[in-house]
Structures are given as structure tokens and as C-alpha cells.
């Protein structure tokens, strides 16, 4: 596969939870006993409210549900619990994610994780991939403003030394997709636990399975052409 500056994006920015890996059930399993420890109740619908949120934002919601702990203690507790579950049960990668990553790497496209989870968790997950999958890792503790602000994606592009307009972003949550769209990247929504709808998205894919680097390039070229027409 031959890359040219005009035909291919320079980088692909990956959300992690729900896009790269199916860790959302681990987060939900960590939240329920924490709320119950303080005498509250936590439903599946409650848990869905946290999908795509910053951990600090999720901590505030958990405090409203009765968890009497400082926000940062909640964040670190949940992170530790998810890491424990990962160690015991493994990390389920989303269908097609590793295959697409491998093809992007073979094609010379730069990649980064852009997640609201802690940097230490993202590093752990990246280390479980059996090849050098990412050039940069951006966690929620690496940026001042979380998704849905565009800052995480802008920081991801900066870490790779590329213009955000030359990037594709992959997202599974409404807040994450908003961040990706507003950053100026060609944003592709890949819904998982919650439905997605964003008119600014470059495309919506039901899954990454069967998708290759050329599919991403096609979306990016169409998005760039549309942006040029809008100007």
C-alpha cells in the first residue's frame, strides 16, 4: 500500500472504552457496589449516563447518587477496580479494532489513543496489543478540558505533530463524537452501548469489523472535500 500526502490521513485518533476495547461492562460492574456501599441504588440506565463522560464528571454523578467520597478518590477507585477486572478476566477488544490498527500501522499511518480514562489504564491496554500500535497516548488526566470539548483530540493531533484536519477520529459515545467533530477531525461514529446522532460526523459505521485503512482514507477524503466546499 503506497501512501501520499494528498490521498491519506496522516493520523487516526482512537477513543478507547467502547471503541478500541469493550471495557464499559467493567466500569458498570465497578460503579454498582460502590453506590450500594453508601446505601444507594444504581441501575443499568444510571450507568449509561456515564458512558463517554470524563471520570471527574462521572464522579460527581456518583456523589449525587450518595457516594460520600472525594471525586478524585472515586476516580482512582473505579480505575483500580477496572484494572483488577482486566487482570482477572482479560481485555475484550472490539470486533475489527486490532485488525484495523495493524493495517494502519503497516500503511504508515500514525495513531494515538484519546480517552477520558486515566493515562495509566490506556498504557496498560496499549501494552496488551501484540504489536507497536500507538505513537501517543492521551488520557483524561493529560488535558485540562474533557470531552465533549475538542481539547483531547486537538492534544492528540499535537502529540503526533499533525494538523487535526489531517486526522480521522473514531468514537462510540455522544460526548466523544461531539469532541471529535468540533475538533475538526473527520469523525466516525461507531455506536456500542448508546445510540449516536451527530450531523457533523463524517460517517457512521455499525462496527469496525471488516473495515480497513482504505475505508478510513475514503471517509477522510470525502470529509476534506466537503470542508473545502463549505469554505
Protein backbone atom coordinates (compact mmCIF):
# COMPACT_ATOMS: atom_id res chain seq x y z
CA UNK A 1 0.00 0.00 0.00
CA UNK A 2 1.51 3.34 -1.02
CA UNK A 3 0.68 6.49 0.91
CA UNK A 4 0.71 10.03 -0.45
CA UNK A 5 0.15 13.24 1.50
CA UNK A 6 -2.93 14.10 -0.57
CA UNK A 7 -4.66 10.72 -0.55
CA UNK A 8 -4.41 9.55 3.05
CA UNK A 9 -4.97 10.97 6.52
CA UNK A 10 -1.79 11.50 8.49
CA UNK A 11 -3.22 10.02 11.70
CA UNK A 12 -6.12 8.12 13.25
CA UNK A 13 -7.17 9.10 16.78
CA UNK A 14 -8.84 6.32 18.76
CA UNK A 15 -11.24 6.60 21.63
CA UNK A 16 -10.60 3.66 23.96
CA UNK A 17 -13.52 2.48 26.14
CA UNK A 18 -16.24 1.14 23.88
CA UNK A 19 -14.32 1.83 20.65
CA UNK A 20 -10.99 0.05 20.99
CA UNK A 21 -11.93 -2.21 23.89
CA UNK A 22 -15.22 -3.35 25.43
CA UNK A 23 -14.48 -2.18 28.98
CA UNK A 24 -17.83 -0.48 29.63
CA UNK A 25 -19.21 -3.57 31.45
CA UNK A 26 -16.17 -3.40 33.78
CA UNK A 27 -16.89 0.23 34.61
CA UNK A 28 -20.53 -0.58 35.27
CA UNK A 29 -19.55 -3.52 37.49
CA UNK A 30 -17.29 -1.21 39.49
CA UNK A 31 -19.92 1.51 39.93
CA UNK A 32 -22.75 -0.61 41.32
CA UNK A 33 -21.07 -1.94 44.51
CA UNK A 34 -19.58 1.49 45.17
CA UNK A 35 -23.01 3.14 45.21
CA UNK A 36 -24.50 0.27 47.20
CA UNK A 37 -21.72 0.59 49.80
CA UNK A 38 -23.17 4.01 50.65
CA UNK A 39 -26.77 2.77 50.73
CA UNK A 40 -27.78 3.86 47.22
CA UNK A 41 -29.07 2.05 44.18
CA UNK A 42 -27.52 2.03 40.71
CA UNK A 43 -29.35 0.80 37.64
CA UNK A 44 -28.19 -0.01 34.13
CA UNK A 45 -29.85 3.22 32.98
CA UNK A 46 -27.84 5.15 35.57
CA UNK A 47 -24.65 3.56 34.30
CA UNK A 48 -25.44 4.51 30.71
CA UNK A 49 -25.44 8.17 31.76
CA UNK A 50 -21.71 7.89 32.41
CA UNK A 51 -20.74 6.43 29.03
CA UNK A 52 -18.33 8.83 27.34
CA UNK A 53 -18.15 11.21 30.33
CA UNK A 54 -14.97 12.42 31.92
CA UNK A 55 -14.16 10.46 35.05
CA UNK A 56 -14.48 13.64 37.11
CA UNK A 57 -17.94 14.25 35.66
CA UNK A 58 -18.89 10.64 36.39
CA UNK A 59 -17.60 11.03 39.94
CA UNK A 60 -19.91 13.98 40.50
CA UNK A 61 -22.89 11.94 39.32
CA UNK A 62 -21.88 9.13 41.67
CA UNK A 63 -21.65 11.63 44.52
CA UNK A 64 -25.20 12.74 43.69
CA UNK A 65 -26.19 9.05 43.96
CA UNK A 66 -24.86 9.01 47.53
CA UNK A 67 -21.17 8.07 47.24
CA UNK A 68 -19.57 10.04 50.07
CA UNK A 69 -16.02 10.22 48.75
CA UNK A 70 -13.91 12.98 47.20
CA UNK A 71 -14.18 12.99 43.41
CA UNK A 72 -10.52 12.08 42.88
CA UNK A 73 -10.83 9.13 45.28
CA UNK A 74 -13.83 7.89 43.29
CA UNK A 75 -11.87 8.19 40.04
CA UNK A 76 -8.89 6.26 41.36
CA UNK A 77 -11.10 3.62 42.99
CA UNK A 78 -13.00 2.97 39.77
CA UNK A 79 -9.77 2.87 37.76
CA UNK A 80 -8.25 0.35 40.17
CA UNK A 81 -11.38 -1.79 40.05
CA UNK A 82 -11.47 -1.86 36.25
CA UNK A 83 -7.76 -2.73 36.13
CA UNK A 84 -8.39 -5.55 38.60
CA UNK A 85 -11.18 -6.96 36.45
CA UNK A 86 -8.98 -6.69 33.38
CA UNK A 87 -6.23 -8.65 35.14
CA UNK A 88 -8.69 -11.37 36.17
CA UNK A 89 -10.88 -11.61 33.07
CA UNK A 90 -8.80 -10.15 30.25
CA UNK A 91 -9.49 -7.27 27.89
CA UNK A 92 -12.10 -7.85 25.17
CA UNK A 93 -11.10 -5.84 22.11
CA UNK A 94 -13.92 -4.55 19.94
CA UNK A 95 -14.51 -6.53 16.72
CA UNK A 96 -12.15 -5.44 13.97
CA UNK A 97 -10.19 -2.98 16.14
CA UNK A 98 -6.86 -4.79 16.26
CA UNK A 99 -7.08 -5.76 12.61
CA UNK A 100 -7.68 -2.14 11.57
CA UNK A 101 -4.87 -0.94 13.81
CA UNK A 102 -2.46 -3.45 12.34
CA UNK A 103 -3.35 -2.37 8.80
CA UNK A 104 -2.92 1.31 9.66
CA UNK A 105 0.49 0.64 11.17
CA UNK A 106 1.56 -1.35 8.12
CA UNK A 107 0.44 1.56 5.95
CA UNK A 108 2.48 4.05 7.93
CA UNK A 109 -0.47 5.98 9.38
CA UNK A 110 0.24 7.45 12.81
CA UNK A 111 -2.12 6.54 15.65
CA UNK A 112 -3.00 7.77 19.14
CA UNK A 113 -5.36 6.82 21.95
CA UNK A 114 -7.53 9.75 23.04
CA UNK A 115 -9.51 8.64 26.09
CA UNK A 116 -11.11 10.08 29.19
CA UNK A 117 -9.82 7.13 31.22
CA UNK A 118 -6.61 7.58 33.19
CA UNK A 119 -3.35 7.56 31.24
CA UNK A 120 -2.13 4.58 33.28
CA UNK A 121 -5.09 2.49 32.14
CA UNK A 122 -4.63 3.45 28.49
CA UNK A 123 -0.95 2.49 28.69
CA UNK A 124 -1.91 -0.86 30.20
CA UNK A 125 -4.37 -1.61 27.39
CA UNK A 126 -1.97 -0.46 24.67
CA UNK A 127 0.64 -2.78 26.15
CA UNK A 128 -1.66 -5.77 25.69
CA UNK A 129 -1.73 -5.34 21.91
CA UNK A 130 0.84 -7.74 20.38
CA UNK A 131 2.44 -5.10 18.14
CA UNK A 132 3.52 -1.46 18.39
CA UNK A 133 0.04 0.01 17.95
CA UNK A 134 0.24 3.65 19.07
CA UNK A 135 2.57 6.60 18.67
CA UNK A 136 0.95 8.57 21.51
CA UNK A 137 -1.44 8.07 24.41
CA UNK A 138 -3.66 10.86 25.77
CA UNK A 139 -5.61 10.16 28.95
CA UNK A 140 -8.23 12.24 30.68
CA UNK A 141 -5.59 13.35 33.18
CA UNK A 142 -3.45 14.74 30.34
CA UNK A 143 -5.87 17.51 29.29
CA UNK A 144 -7.44 20.45 31.11
CA UNK A 145 -10.89 20.18 29.50
CA UNK A 146 -12.53 16.79 28.85
CA UNK A 147 -14.78 15.59 26.06
CA UNK A 148 -17.22 16.98 24.81
CA UNK A 149 -14.69 19.83 24.49
CA UNK A 150 -12.42 19.32 21.47
CA UNK A 151 -9.26 19.72 23.55
CA UNK A 152 -8.45 15.98 23.88
CA UNK A 153 -8.48 15.46 20.12
CA UNK A 154 -6.54 18.65 19.46
CA UNK A 155 -3.97 17.48 22.02
CA UNK A 156 -3.81 14.08 20.33
CA UNK A 157 -3.06 15.64 16.96
CA UNK A 158 -0.46 17.93 18.54
CA UNK A 159 1.23 14.98 20.23
CA UNK A 160 1.60 13.35 16.82
CA UNK A 161 2.79 16.58 15.20
CA UNK A 162 -0.04 16.67 12.66
CA UNK A 163 -2.87 19.05 11.80
CA UNK A 164 -6.23 17.94 13.18
CA UNK A 165 -7.70 18.41 9.68
CA UNK A 166 -5.44 15.57 8.56
CA UNK A 167 -6.86 13.18 11.17
CA UNK A 168 -9.67 10.66 11.42
CA UNK A 169 -11.23 10.16 14.87
CA UNK A 170 -13.13 7.03 15.96
CA UNK A 171 -15.75 7.36 18.70
CA UNK A 172 -18.59 5.38 20.30
CA UNK A 173 -20.23 7.94 22.62
CA UNK A 174 -22.22 11.14 22.04
CA UNK A 175 -19.84 13.26 24.12
CA UNK A 176 -16.80 11.80 22.41
CA UNK A 177 -18.28 12.22 18.95
CA UNK A 178 -19.09 15.86 19.71
CA UNK A 179 -15.49 16.41 20.78
CA UNK A 180 -14.17 14.77 17.63
CA UNK A 181 -16.48 16.71 15.30
CA UNK A 182 -15.76 20.04 16.99
CA UNK A 183 -12.01 19.44 16.81
CA UNK A 184 -12.11 19.46 13.02
CA UNK A 185 -11.15 15.82 12.55
CA UNK A 186 -13.09 13.55 10.19
CA UNK A 187 -15.15 11.90 12.92
CA UNK A 188 -16.57 8.42 12.50
CA UNK A 189 -19.17 7.22 14.99
CA UNK A 190 -19.16 3.52 15.88
CA UNK A 191 -22.04 3.14 18.38
CA UNK A 192 -21.88 0.48 21.06
CA UNK A 193 -23.83 0.93 24.31
CA UNK A 194 -25.66 4.13 23.40
CA UNK A 195 -27.07 5.38 20.07
CA UNK A 196 -25.24 8.09 18.17
CA UNK A 197 -26.54 11.01 16.17
CA UNK A 198 -24.37 13.93 15.10
CA UNK A 199 -24.95 15.70 11.77
CA UNK A 200 -21.33 16.85 11.75
CA UNK A 201 -19.91 13.33 11.75
CA UNK A 202 -18.11 12.29 8.59
CA UNK A 203 -19.71 8.83 8.73
CA UNK A 204 -21.40 6.27 10.97
CA UNK A 205 -20.25 2.66 10.98
CA UNK A 206 -22.13 -0.10 12.84
CA UNK A 207 -18.81 -1.87 13.52
CA UNK A 208 -15.10 -1.74 12.74
CA UNK A 209 -15.19 -5.36 11.67
CA UNK A 210 -14.28 -5.68 8.01
CA UNK A 211 -13.11 -2.07 7.79
CA UNK A 212 -9.62 -1.29 6.51
CA UNK A 213 -7.25 1.62 6.13
CA UNK A 214 -8.64 2.38 2.69
CA UNK A 215 -12.14 2.79 4.18
CA UNK A 216 -10.82 5.38 6.62
CA UNK A 217 -8.99 7.15 3.82
CA UNK A 218 -12.16 7.29 1.74
CA UNK A 219 -14.10 8.90 4.61
CA UNK A 220 -11.29 11.39 5.24
CA UNK A 221 -11.05 12.42 1.60
CA UNK A 222 -14.82 12.94 1.36
CA UNK A 223 -14.81 14.93 4.61
CA UNK A 224 -11.92 17.12 3.43
CA UNK A 225 -13.63 17.74 0.11
CA UNK A 226 -16.84 18.75 1.90
CA UNK A 227 -14.93 21.07 4.23
CA UNK A 228 -13.29 22.69 1.22
CA UNK A 229 -16.66 23.27 -0.44
CA UNK A 230 -18.02 24.79 2.82
CA UNK A 231 -15.21 27.34 2.82
